[in-house]
Amino acid sequence: MDGDPIVNESSTKPTGRRRIRFFTVFLFVVLVLSAVFATNFKTAVVDGQSMFPTLNNGQKVLTTKAYFLVGTIKKNDIIVLREEQSKTKYFIKRVYGLPGDQIPWALAPQDWPLEKGPYTVPDGRIYVIGDNILHSDDSRKFGAFKLENVLGKVVTWR
């Protein structure tokens, strides 16, 4: 017993100040993470069958423009983009071509003349096609979309 260290039990219990400090730091972290999430992530709802079987009508998806977290947009990514003439209508499609990519004539915009050969995605634009190719209004109908109309990359769905 003589060699046992003397422990003051009151010094091992958290004090009121330590609890307040912990709670304050915890609350700050939660608020910062909430702000990051709210500014970088958005939800969208699938409207129609153009992405079937990958996505179904009414299904919710989570999107982000925080490319530093999820990587830049590349072929086969699913993205949400705004219709060129609308501020409220959006599409959810799969990326088929990036600027400079050649699109085979069979998948080129419907008004693309055969004699011009393969369609090349212009700079600053992105070519998208729905997974349900027979029931999708996409770049084959509207042409390549401006990159500035991309609202985000789909990162998850349920």
Foldseek 3Di string as FASTA:
>chain_A
DVPDDDDDVVVPDDDPVNVVVVVVVVVVVVVVVVVCCVVFKDKDAADDCLQPPVDDHGWIFIFGPPCVVVNDDDFQFWFKFADPVDPPDIHTFGFHDAAQDWDAPVQAACPDDPVVGTDGQHPQWTFTGHPNRVPDDGCNHVNTHGPVRTPGTTDDID
